[in-house]
């Protein structure tokens, strides 16, 4: 039973990245999934959340209008499309399944010129 993030990397300011969170060992289709991020010395911050159906989505004010969370329940995968990236978006990004209290291992996103 695990969540595995991928898609992180180095990108210039204004660029885009798409993160993926793949679940294995369980089916997460009825349940909400969240993306968090964390930088050194700071608490983990909720970035986006999506309900099981994908109909309802919430975003932190800092990413609203730039990030889009989505899911493909047939693939047991949740995505985070990140556009217009800023230097302050640099962090390790984690996905989280609250119904299982399960975290992924994280993927590093670095926004730098």
N, C-alpha and C. Protein backbone atom coordinates (compact mmCIF):
# COMPACT_ATOMS: atom_id res chain seq x y z
N UNK A 1 0.86 -1.18 0.00
CA UNK A 1 0.00 0.00 0.00
C UNK A 1 0.90 1.23 0.00
N UNK A 2 0.83 2.02 -1.07
CA UNK A 2 1.70 3.18 -1.13
C UNK A 2 1.18 4.21 -2.15
N UNK A 3 1.70 5.43 -1.96
CA UNK A 3 1.52 6.52 -2.92
C UNK A 3 2.90 6.89 -3.45
N UNK A 4 3.00 7.04 -4.75
CA UNK A 4 4.30 7.37 -5.36
C UNK A 4 4.14 8.61 -6.23
N UNK A 5 4.87 9.67 -5.84
CA UNK A 5 4.84 10.90 -6.63
C UNK A 5 5.94 10.87 -7.69
N UNK A 6 5.70 11.58 -8.77
CA UNK A 6 6.71 11.74 -9.82
C UNK A 6 6.42 13.04 -10.55
N UNK A 7 7.40 13.45 -11.37
CA UNK A 7 7.20 14.62 -12.22
C UNK A 7 7.91 15.88 -11.75
N UNK A 8 8.54 15.83 -10.59
CA UNK A 8 9.26 17.00 -10.12
C UNK A 8 10.50 17.26 -10.95
N UNK A 9 11.12 18.41 -10.70
CA UNK A 9 12.33 18.76 -11.43
C UNK A 9 12.65 20.23 -11.29
N UNK A 10 13.56 20.66 -12.15
CA UNK A 10 14.01 22.06 -12.18
C UNK A 10 13.32 22.77 -13.34
N UNK A 11 12.75 23.92 -13.06
CA UNK A 11 12.06 24.68 -14.09
C UNK A 11 12.31 26.17 -13.86
N UNK A 12 12.28 26.95 -14.93
CA UNK A 12 12.48 28.39 -14.80
C UNK A 12 11.19 29.06 -14.35
N UNK A 13 11.31 30.22 -13.74
CA UNK A 13 10.10 30.98 -13.37
C UNK A 13 9.22 31.20 -14.60
N UNK A 14 7.92 31.03 -14.39
CA UNK A 14 6.98 31.14 -15.50
C UNK A 14 6.72 29.83 -16.21
N UNK A 15 7.50 28.83 -15.90
CA UNK A 15 7.35 27.53 -16.54
C UNK A 15 6.26 26.68 -15.92
N UNK A 16 6.17 25.44 -16.42
CA UNK A 16 5.12 24.51 -15.98
C UNK A 16 5.70 23.14 -15.67
N UNK A 17 5.03 22.46 -14.77
CA UNK A 17 5.32 21.07 -14.45
C UNK A 17 4.00 20.37 -14.12
N UNK A 18 3.96 19.07 -14.37
CA UNK A 18 2.82 18.27 -13.94
C UNK A 18 3.31 17.15 -13.03
N UNK A 19 2.80 17.14 -11.82
CA UNK A 19 3.13 16.08 -10.87
C UNK A 19 2.07 14.99 -10.94
N UNK A 20 2.50 13.76 -10.70
CA UNK A 20 1.58 12.62 -10.64
C UNK A 20 1.71 11.94 -9.29
N UNK A 21 0.61 11.39 -8.83
CA UNK A 21 0.58 10.63 -7.58
C UNK A 21 -0.16 9.34 -7.88
N UNK A 22 0.57 8.23 -7.92
CA UNK A 22 -0.02 6.94 -8.27
C UNK A 22 -0.18 6.10 -7.01
N UNK A 23 -1.38 5.55 -6.84
CA UNK A 23 -1.65 4.69 -5.71
C UNK A 23 -1.51 3.24 -6.11
N UNK A 24 -0.95 2.45 -5.22
CA UNK A 24 -0.87 1.01 -5.46
C UNK A 24 -1.25 0.27 -4.20
N UNK A 25 -1.86 -0.88 -4.38
CA UNK A 25 -2.24 -1.70 -3.23
C UNK A 25 -3.62 -1.39 -2.68
N UNK A 26 -4.26 -0.37 -3.22
CA UNK A 26 -5.61 -0.06 -2.78
C UNK A 26 -6.30 0.80 -3.85
N UNK A 27 -7.61 0.89 -3.77
CA UNK A 27 -8.39 1.71 -4.69
C UNK A 27 -8.82 2.98 -3.99
N UNK A 28 -8.49 4.11 -4.56
CA UNK A 28 -8.78 5.36 -3.86
C UNK A 28 -9.93 6.14 -4.47
N UNK A 29 -10.64 5.51 -5.43
CA UNK A 29 -11.62 6.29 -6.17
C UNK A 29 -12.70 6.97 -5.33
N UNK A 30 -13.17 6.39 -4.21
CA UNK A 30 -14.23 7.11 -3.47
C UNK A 30 -13.73 8.24 -2.59
N UNK A 31 -12.41 8.40 -2.49
CA UNK A 31 -11.86 9.24 -1.44
C UNK A 31 -11.12 10.47 -1.92
N UNK A 32 -11.10 11.48 -1.05
CA UNK A 32 -10.36 12.70 -1.35
C UNK A 32 -8.86 12.44 -1.29
N UNK A 33 -8.14 13.18 -2.12
CA UNK A 33 -6.68 13.15 -2.13
C UNK A 33 -6.20 14.59 -2.09
N UNK A 34 -5.08 14.79 -1.42
CA UNK A 34 -4.54 16.15 -1.26
C UNK A 34 -3.09 16.21 -1.72
N UNK A 35 -2.70 17.40 -2.14
CA UNK A 35 -1.28 17.71 -2.38
C UNK A 35 -0.83 18.72 -1.32
N UNK A 36 0.31 18.43 -0.72
CA UNK A 36 0.96 19.33 0.23
C UNK A 36 2.34 19.67 -0.31
N UNK A 37 2.94 20.71 0.26
CA UNK A 37 4.33 21.01 -0.04
C UNK A 37 5.02 21.48 1.23
N UNK A 38 6.34 21.32 1.22
CA UNK A 38 7.12 21.69 2.40
C UNK A 38 8.49 22.19 1.98
N UNK A 39 8.90 23.30 2.60
CA UNK A 39 10.26 23.79 2.44
C UNK A 39 10.97 23.66 3.78
N UNK A 40 12.29 23.70 3.75
CA UNK A 40 13.08 23.49 4.97
C UNK A 40 12.70 24.50 6.04
N UNK A 41 12.49 23.99 7.22
CA UNK A 41 12.22 24.86 8.35
C UNK A 41 10.78 25.33 8.46
N UNK A 42 9.94 24.89 7.52
CA UNK A 42 8.54 25.31 7.56
C UNK A 42 7.63 24.09 7.68
N UNK A 43 6.42 24.35 8.13
CA UNK A 43 5.43 23.27 8.23
C UNK A 43 4.91 22.91 6.84
N UNK A 44 4.43 21.68 6.75
CA UNK A 44 3.82 21.23 5.51
C UNK A 44 2.56 22.05 5.24
N UNK A 45 2.42 22.50 4.00
CA UNK A 45 1.34 23.41 3.62
C UNK A 45 0.40 22.70 2.63
N UNK A 46 -0.90 22.78 2.89
CA UNK A 46 -1.87 22.22 1.96
C UNK A 46 -1.93 23.08 0.70
N UNK A 47 -1.77 22.43 -0.45
CA UNK A 47 -1.76 23.15 -1.72
C UNK A 47 -3.09 22.98 -2.46
N UNK A 48 -3.58 21.74 -2.53
CA UNK A 48 -4.80 21.48 -3.30
C UNK A 48 -5.43 20.18 -2.80
N UNK A 49 -6.75 20.07 -3.00
CA UNK A 49 -7.48 18.87 -2.60
C UNK A 49 -8.56 18.59 -3.63
N UNK A 50 -8.88 17.31 -3.77
CA UNK A 50 -9.90 16.91 -4.74
C UNK A 50 -10.72 15.78 -4.13
N UNK A 51 -12.04 15.85 -4.31
CA UNK A 51 -12.90 14.80 -3.79
C UNK A 51 -12.83 13.56 -4.69
N UNK A 52 -13.44 12.47 -4.21
CA UNK A 52 -13.35 11.20 -4.92
C UNK A 52 -13.89 11.25 -6.34
N UNK A 53 -14.97 12.00 -6.52
CA UNK A 53 -15.58 12.11 -7.85
C UNK A 53 -14.82 13.07 -8.75
N UNK A 54 -14.01 13.92 -8.12
CA UNK A 54 -13.30 14.94 -8.89
C UNK A 54 -14.10 16.22 -9.10
N UNK A 55 -15.33 16.24 -8.60
CA UNK A 55 -16.20 17.39 -8.86
C UNK A 55 -15.76 18.60 -8.03
N UNK A 56 -15.42 18.36 -6.77
CA UNK A 56 -15.04 19.47 -5.88
C UNK A 56 -13.53 19.53 -5.69
N UNK A 57 -12.99 20.75 -5.85
CA UNK A 57 -11.55 20.97 -5.74
C UNK A 57 -11.33 22.24 -4.93
N UNK A 58 -10.30 22.24 -4.13
CA UNK A 58 -9.93 23.42 -3.34
C UNK A 58 -8.45 23.70 -3.52
N UNK A 59 -8.11 24.98 -3.40
CA UNK A 59 -6.72 25.40 -3.58
C UNK A 59 -6.31 26.39 -2.52
N UNK A 60 -5.04 26.38 -2.17
CA UNK A 60 -4.49 27.44 -1.34
C UNK A 60 -4.53 28.74 -2.13
N UNK A 61 -4.71 29.84 -1.43
CA UNK A 61 -4.78 31.14 -2.11
C UNK A 61 -3.51 31.40 -2.93
N UNK A 62 -2.39 30.92 -2.44
CA UNK A 62 -1.11 31.20 -3.10
C UNK A 62 -0.98 30.54 -4.47
N UNK A 63 -1.81 29.52 -4.75
CA UNK A 63 -1.69 28.81 -6.04
C UNK A 63 -2.95 28.91 -6.88
N UNK A 64 -3.98 29.52 -6.36
CA UNK A 64 -5.25 29.63 -7.10
C UNK A 64 -5.03 30.32 -8.43
N UNK A 65 -5.60 29.74 -9.47
CA UNK A 65 -5.47 30.31 -10.81
C UNK A 65 -4.22 29.86 -11.54
N UNK A 66 -3.29 29.21 -10.82
CA UNK A 66 -2.05 28.73 -11.45
C UNK A 66 -1.93 27.20 -11.42
N UNK A 67 -2.45 26.58 -10.39
CA UNK A 67 -2.36 25.12 -10.24
C UNK A 67 -3.74 24.50 -10.47
N UNK A 68 -3.74 23.28 -11.03
CA UNK A 68 -4.97 22.54 -11.25
C UNK A 68 -4.80 21.11 -10.79
N UNK A 69 -5.67 20.69 -9.88
CA UNK A 69 -5.64 19.29 -9.42
C UNK A 69 -6.69 18.52 -10.20
N UNK A 70 -6.35 17.28 -10.56
CA UNK A 70 -7.29 16.43 -11.29
C UNK A 70 -6.99 14.98 -10.94
N UNK A 71 -7.87 14.09 -11.36
CA UNK A 71 -7.64 12.68 -11.07
C UNK A 71 -8.20 11.80 -12.18
N UNK A 72 -7.58 10.63 -12.31
CA UNK A 72 -8.06 9.59 -13.22
C UNK A 72 -8.24 8.34 -12.37
N UNK A 73 -9.47 8.09 -11.95
CA UNK A 73 -9.70 6.97 -11.04
C UNK A 73 -9.44 5.61 -11.71
N UNK A 74 -9.56 5.56 -13.01
CA UNK A 74 -9.26 4.30 -13.71
C UNK A 74 -7.78 3.95 -13.60
N UNK A 75 -6.96 4.99 -13.44
CA UNK A 75 -5.52 4.78 -13.33
C UNK A 75 -5.03 4.91 -11.89
N UNK A 76 -5.97 5.15 -10.96
CA UNK A 76 -5.58 5.32 -9.55
C UNK A 76 -4.53 6.42 -9.40
N UNK A 77 -4.71 7.50 -10.12
CA UNK A 77 -3.69 8.54 -10.17
C UNK A 77 -4.33 9.92 -10.01
N UNK A 78 -3.64 10.77 -9.25
CA UNK A 78 -4.02 12.17 -9.10
C UNK A 78 -2.89 13.02 -9.67
N UNK A 79 -3.25 14.13 -10.28
CA UNK A 79 -2.28 15.00 -10.93
C UNK A 79 -2.32 16.40 -10.32
N UNK A 80 -1.21 17.10 -10.44
CA UNK A 80 -1.16 18.51 -10.08
C UNK A 80 -0.46 19.23 -11.23
N UNK A 81 -1.25 19.93 -12.03
CA UNK A 81 -0.70 20.75 -13.11
C UNK A 81 -0.32 22.10 -12.53
N UNK A 82 0.95 22.47 -12.68
CA UNK A 82 1.46 23.71 -12.11
C UNK A 82 1.95 24.61 -13.23
N UNK A 83 1.29 25.75 -13.39
CA UNK A 83 1.64 26.72 -14.42
C UNK A 83 2.10 28.02 -13.78
N UNK A 84 2.73 28.85 -14.58
CA UNK A 84 3.21 30.16 -14.10
C UNK A 84 3.97 30.01 -12.79
N UNK A 85 4.88 29.08 -12.76
CA UNK A 85 5.60 28.78 -11.52
C UNK A 85 6.45 29.95 -11.07
N UNK A 86 6.52 30.11 -9.75
CA UNK A 86 7.29 31.17 -9.12
C UNK A 86 8.39 30.55 -8.27
N UNK A 87 9.41 31.34 -7.97
CA UNK A 87 10.51 30.86 -7.14
C UNK A 87 9.99 30.36 -5.80
N UNK A 88 8.98 31.02 -5.28
CA UNK A 88 8.44 30.62 -3.97
C UNK A 88 7.64 29.32 -4.02
N UNK A 89 7.43 28.74 -5.21
CA UNK A 89 6.80 27.42 -5.31
C UNK A 89 7.80 26.29 -5.07
N UNK A 90 9.08 26.63 -4.98
CA UNK A 90 10.10 25.63 -4.72
C UNK A 90 9.83 24.92 -3.40
N UNK A 91 9.76 23.60 -3.45
CA UNK A 91 9.43 22.81 -2.27
C UNK A 91 9.46 21.33 -2.64
N UNK A 92 9.36 20.49 -1.62
CA UNK A 92 9.06 19.08 -1.84
C UNK A 92 7.55 18.93 -1.81
N UNK A 93 7.00 18.31 -2.83
CA UNK A 93 5.56 18.14 -2.95
C UNK A 93 5.18 16.70 -2.60
N UNK A 94 4.15 16.58 -1.75
CA UNK A 94 3.69 15.28 -1.28
C UNK A 94 2.21 15.10 -1.59
N UNK A 95 1.82 13.90 -1.94
CA UNK A 95 0.40 13.62 -1.97
C UNK A 95 0.02 12.85 -0.70
N UNK A 96 -1.24 12.97 -0.34
CA UNK A 96 -1.72 12.45 0.94
C UNK A 96 -3.12 11.90 0.77
N UNK A 97 -3.33 10.70 1.29
CA UNK A 97 -4.65 10.06 1.30
C UNK A 97 -5.14 10.05 2.74
N UNK A 98 -5.98 11.00 3.14
CA UNK A 98 -6.38 11.10 4.54
C UNK A 98 -7.16 9.90 5.05
N UNK A 99 -7.91 9.21 4.17
CA UNK A 99 -8.70 8.08 4.65
C UNK A 99 -7.81 6.92 5.08
N UNK A 100 -6.55 6.95 4.60
CA UNK A 100 -5.57 5.94 4.98
C UNK A 100 -4.45 6.52 5.85
N UNK A 101 -4.47 7.83 6.04
CA UNK A 101 -3.36 8.53 6.71
C UNK A 101 -2.04 8.15 6.05
N UNK A 102 -2.04 8.17 4.72
CA UNK A 102 -0.91 7.67 3.94
C UNK A 102 -0.27 8.81 3.15
N UNK A 103 1.05 8.97 3.31
CA UNK A 103 1.82 9.97 2.57
C UNK A 103 2.68 9.29 1.52
N UNK A 104 2.91 10.01 0.42
CA UNK A 104 3.93 9.58 -0.52
C UNK A 104 5.30 10.01 -0.03
N UNK A 105 6.33 9.67 -0.81
CA UNK A 105 7.70 9.97 -0.41
C UNK A 105 8.13 11.38 -0.78
N UNK A 106 7.37 12.03 -1.65
CA UNK A 106 7.66 13.40 -2.04
C UNK A 106 8.45 13.48 -3.34
N UNK A 107 8.28 14.61 -4.02
CA UNK A 107 9.05 14.89 -5.23
C UNK A 107 9.47 16.35 -5.19
N UNK A 108 10.73 16.61 -5.50
CA UNK A 108 11.29 17.95 -5.39
C UNK A 108 10.93 18.79 -6.62
N UNK A 109 10.43 19.98 -6.37
CA UNK A 109 10.20 20.97 -7.42
C UNK A 109 11.08 22.18 -7.11
N UNK A 110 11.91 22.55 -8.06
CA UNK A 110 12.79 23.70 -7.89
C UNK A 110 12.54 24.68 -9.02
N UNK A 111 12.17 25.89 -8.64
CA UNK A 111 11.92 26.95 -9.62
C UNK A 111 13.06 27.96 -9.50
N UNK A 112 13.87 28.04 -10.55
CA UNK A 112 15.05 28.88 -10.47
C UNK A 112 15.49 29.28 -11.87
N UNK A 113 16.05 30.48 -11.97
CA UNK A 113 16.58 30.93 -13.25
C UNK A 113 18.07 30.60 -13.34
